[in-house]
Structure formats: structure tokens, C-alpha cells
Amino acid sequence: MTDPNDKIHVSTEEARAGSTPHMTRYILAISLVLVIVIFAYLFYAG
């Protein structure tokens, strides 16, 4: 039987059970820019 006090070392990839592409940061950045542009347009047009 294993000791419950033993530390388990798992790499980041194994802990996440897959890869994490960097697409998310680009989507968030583009979305933020679009929201700012749309709000600026509505502010000046309204």
C-alpha cells in the first residue's frame, strides 16, 4: 500500500489532461479591442 503522505509530482501537461493553445489570449485581446471600438462609436455617434 502506498503512503498517503507521499507527494505526487505531475507535469503541467498531465495535470491539465491536454495542451493549452495560446489562441485564447488572442481572442480575448481582439474582443476587448472590438468592444472598445464599438463603445467609442456609440459614445460619439449618440
PDB file of N, CA and C in Angstrom:
ATOM      1  N   MET A   1       0.845  -1.178   0.000  1.00  0.00           N
ATOM      2  CA  MET A   1       0.000   0.000   0.000  1.00  0.00           C
ATOM      3  C   MET A   1       0.885   1.235   0.000  1.00  0.00           C
ATOM      4  N   THR A   2       0.449   2.272  -0.678  1.00  0.00           N
ATOM      5  CA  THR A   2       1.254   3.489  -0.749  1.00  0.00           C
ATOM      6  C   THR A   2       1.008   4.378   0.458  1.00  0.00           C
ATOM      7  N   ASP A   3       1.996   5.182   0.740  1.00  0.00           N
ATOM      8  CA  ASP A   3       1.910   6.100   1.869  1.00  0.00           C
ATOM      9  C   ASP A   3       1.087   7.322   1.454  1.00  0.00           C
ATOM     10  N   PRO A   4       0.030   7.666   2.163  1.00  0.00           N
ATOM     11  CA  PRO A   4      -0.801   8.816   1.780  1.00  0.00           C
ATOM     12  C   PRO A   4      -0.069  10.155   1.928  1.00  0.00           C
ATOM     13  N   ASN A   5       1.048  10.181   2.615  1.00  0.00           N
ATOM     14  CA  ASN A   5       1.798  11.419   2.803  1.00  0.00           C
ATOM     15  C   ASN A   5       2.815  11.654   1.691  1.00  0.00           C
ATOM     16  N   ASP A   6       2.967  10.680   0.775  1.00  0.00           N
ATOM     17  CA  ASP A   6       3.897  10.862  -0.342  1.00  0.00           C
ATOM     18  C   ASP A   6       3.370  11.933  -1.293  1.00  0.00           C
ATOM     19  N   LYS A   7       4.300  12.756  -1.787  1.00  0.00           N
ATOM     20  CA  LYS A   7       3.921  13.800  -2.745  1.00  0.00           C
ATOM     21  C   LYS A   7       3.798  13.189  -4.132  1.00  0.00           C
ATOM     22  N   ILE A   8       2.858  13.707  -4.878  1.00  0.00           N
ATOM     23  CA  ILE A   8       2.660  13.264  -6.258  1.00  0.00           C
ATOM     24  C   ILE A   8       3.148  14.378  -7.171  1.00  0.00           C
ATOM     25  N   HIS A   9       4.092  14.051  -8.031  1.00  0.00           N
ATOM     26  CA  HIS A   9       4.629  15.039  -8.966  1.00  0.00           C
ATOM     27  C   HIS A   9       4.055  14.765 -10.348  1.00  0.00           C
ATOM     28  N   VAL A  10       3.327  15.745 -10.852  1.00  0.00           N
ATOM     29  CA  VAL A  10       2.703  15.622 -12.163  1.00  0.00           C
ATOM     30  C   VAL A  10       3.072  16.870 -12.958  1.00  0.00           C
ATOM     31  N   SER A  11       3.422  16.667 -14.222  1.00  0.00           N
ATOM     32  CA  SER A  11       3.760  17.822 -15.053  1.00  0.00           C
ATOM     33  C   SER A  11       2.504  18.638 -15.344  1.00  0.00           C
ATOM     34  N   THR A  12       2.694  19.850 -15.832  1.00  0.00           N
ATOM     35  CA  THR A  12       1.569  20.727 -16.143  1.00  0.00           C
ATOM     36  C   THR A  12       0.686  20.124 -17.215  1.00  0.00           C
ATOM     37  N   GLU A  13       1.287  19.553 -18.242  1.00  0.00           N
ATOM     38  CA  GLU A  13       0.500  18.948 -19.325  1.00  0.00           C
ATOM     39  C   GLU A  13      -0.346  17.783 -18.810  1.00  0.00           C
ATOM     40  N   GLU A  14       0.234  16.961 -17.954  1.00  0.00           N
ATOM     41  CA  GLU A  14      -0.516  15.819 -17.412  1.00  0.00           C
ATOM     42  C   GLU A  14      -1.633  16.285 -16.487  1.00  0.00           C
ATOM     43  N   ALA A  15      -1.391  17.326 -15.721  1.00  0.00           N
ATOM     44  CA  ALA A  15      -2.407  17.812 -14.797  1.00  0.00           C
ATOM     45  C   ALA A  15      -3.587  18.421 -15.541  1.00  0.00           C
ATOM     46  N   ARG A  16      -3.314  19.057 -16.661  1.00  0.00           N
ATOM     47  CA  ARG A  16      -4.382  19.676 -17.446  1.00  0.00           C
ATOM     48  C   ARG A  16      -5.068  18.676 -18.368  1.00  0.00           C
ATOM     49  N   ALA A  17      -4.497  17.531 -18.528  1.00  0.00           N
ATOM     50  CA  ALA A  17      -5.035  16.476 -19.394  1.00  0.00           C
ATOM     51  C   ALA A  17      -5.133  16.940 -20.844  1.00  0.00           C
ATOM     52  N   GLY A  18      -4.166  17.707 -21.264  1.00  0.00           N
ATOM     53  CA  GLY A  18      -4.147  18.146 -22.659  1.00  0.00           C
ATOM     54  C   GLY A  18      -3.304  19.391 -22.817  1.00  0.00           C
ATOM     55  N   SER A  19      -3.251  19.879 -24.021  1.00  0.00           N
ATOM     56  CA  SER A  19      -2.462  21.076 -24.290  1.00  0.00           C
ATOM     57  C   SER A  19      -3.340  22.314 -24.167  1.00  0.00           C
ATOM     58  N   THR A  20      -2.708  23.443 -23.962  1.00  0.00           N
ATOM     59  CA  THR A  20      -3.432  24.706 -23.873  1.00  0.00           C
ATOM     60  C   THR A  20      -2.882  25.639 -24.946  1.00  0.00           C
ATOM     61  N   PRO A  21      -3.596  25.757 -26.048  1.00  0.00           N
ATOM     62  CA  PRO A  21      -3.111  26.644 -27.104  1.00  0.00           C
ATOM     63  C   PRO A  21      -3.222  28.103 -26.676  1.00  0.00           C
ATOM     64  N   HIS A  22      -2.431  28.935 -27.315  1.00  0.00           N
ATOM     65  CA  HIS A  22      -2.407  30.357 -26.955  1.00  0.00           C
ATOM     66  C   HIS A  22      -3.461  31.152 -27.711  1.00  0.00           C
ATOM     67  N   MET A  23      -4.412  30.460 -28.333  1.00  0.00           N
ATOM     68  CA  MET A  23      -5.457  31.139 -29.092  1.00  0.00           C
ATOM     69  C   MET A  23      -6.346  31.979 -28.183  1.00  0.00           C
ATOM     70  N   THR A  24      -6.531  31.561 -26.949  1.00  0.00           N
ATOM     71  CA  THR A  24      -7.436  32.247 -26.036  1.00  0.00           C
ATOM     72  C   THR A  24      -7.023  33.687 -25.814  1.00  0.00           C
ATOM     73  N   ARG A  25      -5.737  33.934 -25.636  1.00  0.00           N
ATOM     74  CA  ARG A  25      -5.298  35.302 -25.371  1.00  0.00           C
ATOM     75  C   ARG A  25      -5.543  36.201 -26.570  1.00  0.00           C
ATOM     76  N   TYR A  26      -5.432  35.652 -27.785  1.00  0.00           N
ATOM     77  CA  TYR A  26      -5.696  36.460 -28.971  1.00  0.00           C
ATOM     78  C   TYR A  26      -7.182  36.766 -29.101  1.00  0.00           C
ATOM     79  N   ILE A  27      -8.015  35.797 -28.795  1.00  0.00           N
ATOM     80  CA  ILE A  27      -9.455  36.012 -28.853  1.00  0.00           C
ATOM     81  C   ILE A  27      -9.876  37.056 -27.829  1.00  0.00           C
ATOM     82  N   LEU A  28      -9.326  36.986 -26.625  1.00  0.00           N
ATOM     83  CA  LEU A  28      -9.660  37.971 -25.601  1.00  0.00           C
ATOM     84  C   LEU A  28      -9.188  39.366 -25.994  1.00  0.00           C
ATOM     85  N   ALA A  29      -7.995  39.470 -26.558  1.00  0.00           N
ATOM     86  CA  ALA A  29      -7.462  40.773 -26.967  1.00  0.00           C
ATOM     87  C   ALA A  29      -8.293  41.374 -28.089  1.00  0.00           C
ATOM     88  N   ILE A  30      -8.623  40.578 -29.096  1.00  0.00           N
ATOM     89  CA  ILE A  30      -9.424  41.080 -30.216  1.00  0.00           C
ATOM     90  C   ILE A  30     -10.822  41.482 -29.737  1.00  0.00           C
ATOM     91  N   SER A  31     -11.404  40.690 -28.857  1.00  0.00           N
ATOM     92  CA  SER A  31     -12.730  41.009 -28.327  1.00  0.00           C
ATOM     93  C   SER A  31     -12.705  42.307 -27.538  1.00  0.00           C
ATOM     94  N   LEU A  32     -11.679  42.505 -26.743  1.00  0.00           N
ATOM     95  CA  LEU A  32     -11.558  43.730 -25.962  1.00  0.00           C
ATOM     96  C   LEU A  32     -11.446  44.942 -26.868  1.00  0.00           C
ATOM     97  N   VAL A  33     -10.636  44.844 -27.898  1.00  0.00           N
ATOM     98  CA  VAL A  33     -10.485  45.952 -28.839  1.00  0.00           C
ATOM     99  C   VAL A  33     -11.806  46.241 -29.546  1.00  0.00           C
ATOM    100  N   LEU A  34     -12.505  45.207 -29.971  1.00  0.00           N
ATOM    101  CA  LEU A  34     -13.798  45.410 -30.633  1.00  0.00           C
ATOM    102  C   LEU A  34     -14.813  46.086 -29.717  1.00  0.00           C
ATOM    103  N   VAL A  35     -14.852  45.678 -28.478  1.00  0.00           N
ATOM    104  CA  VAL A  35     -15.790  46.278 -27.527  1.00  0.00           C
ATOM    105  C   VAL A  35     -15.456  47.755 -27.317  1.00  0.00           C
ATOM    106  N   ILE A  36     -14.190  48.073 -27.193  1.00  0.00           N
ATOM    107  CA  ILE A  36     -13.786  49.471 -27.005  1.00  0.00           C
ATOM    108  C   ILE A  36     -14.160  50.301 -28.224  1.00  0.00           C
ATOM    109  N   VAL A  37     -13.915  49.760 -29.422  1.00  0.00           N
ATOM    110  CA  VAL A  37     -14.253  50.484 -30.658  1.00  0.00           C
ATOM    111  C   VAL A  37     -15.758  50.695 -30.766  1.00  0.00           C
ATOM    112  N   ILE A  38     -16.536  49.685 -30.460  1.00  0.00           N
ATOM    113  CA  ILE A  38     -17.998  49.805 -30.550  1.00  0.00           C
ATOM    114  C   ILE A  38     -18.523  50.810 -29.535  1.00  0.00           C
ATOM    115  N   PHE A  39     -18.024  50.769 -28.315  1.00  0.00           N
ATOM    116  CA  PHE A  39     -18.470  51.730 -27.310  1.00  0.00           C
ATOM    117  C   PHE A  39     -18.040  53.149 -27.665  1.00  0.00           C
ATOM    118  N   ALA A  40     -16.860  53.318 -28.215  1.00  0.00           N
ATOM    119  CA  ALA A  40     -16.415  54.645 -28.638  1.00  0.00           C
ATOM    120  C   ALA A  40     -17.304  55.172 -29.756  1.00  0.00           C
ATOM    121  N   TYR A  41     -17.641  54.304 -30.704  1.00  0.00           N
ATOM    122  CA  TYR A  41     -18.538  54.710 -31.795  1.00  0.00           C
ATOM    123  C   TYR A  41     -19.907  55.120 -31.245  1.00  0.00           C
ATOM    124  N   LEU A  42     -20.459  54.319 -30.347  1.00  0.00           N
ATOM    125  CA  LEU A  42     -21.764  54.639 -29.772  1.00  0.00           C
ATOM    126  C   LEU A  42     -21.715  55.918 -28.944  1.00  0.00           C
ATOM    127  N   PHE A  43     -20.616  56.156 -28.285  1.00  0.00           N
ATOM    128  CA  PHE A  43     -20.478  57.355 -27.454  1.00  0.00           C
ATOM    129  C   PHE A  43     -20.460  58.611 -28.326  1.00  0.00           C
ATOM    130  N   TYR A  44     -19.681  58.564 -29.411  1.00  0.00           N
ATOM    131  CA  TYR A  44     -19.558  59.742 -30.274  1.00  0.00           C
ATOM    132  C   TYR A  44     -20.736  59.891 -31.232  1.00  0.00           C
ATOM    133  N   ALA A  45     -21.368  58.792 -31.608  1.00  0.00           N
ATOM    134  CA  ALA A  45     -22.498  58.855 -32.532  1.00  0.00           C
ATOM    135  C   ALA A  45     -23.810  59.168 -31.813  1.00  0.00           C
ATOM    136  N   GLY A  46     -23.858  58.877 -30.540  1.00  0.00           N
ATOM    137  CA  GLY A  46     -25.096  59.027 -29.790  1.00  0.00           C
ATOM    138  C   GLY A  46     -25.253  60.375 -29.247  1.00  0.00           C
TER     139      GLY A  46
END
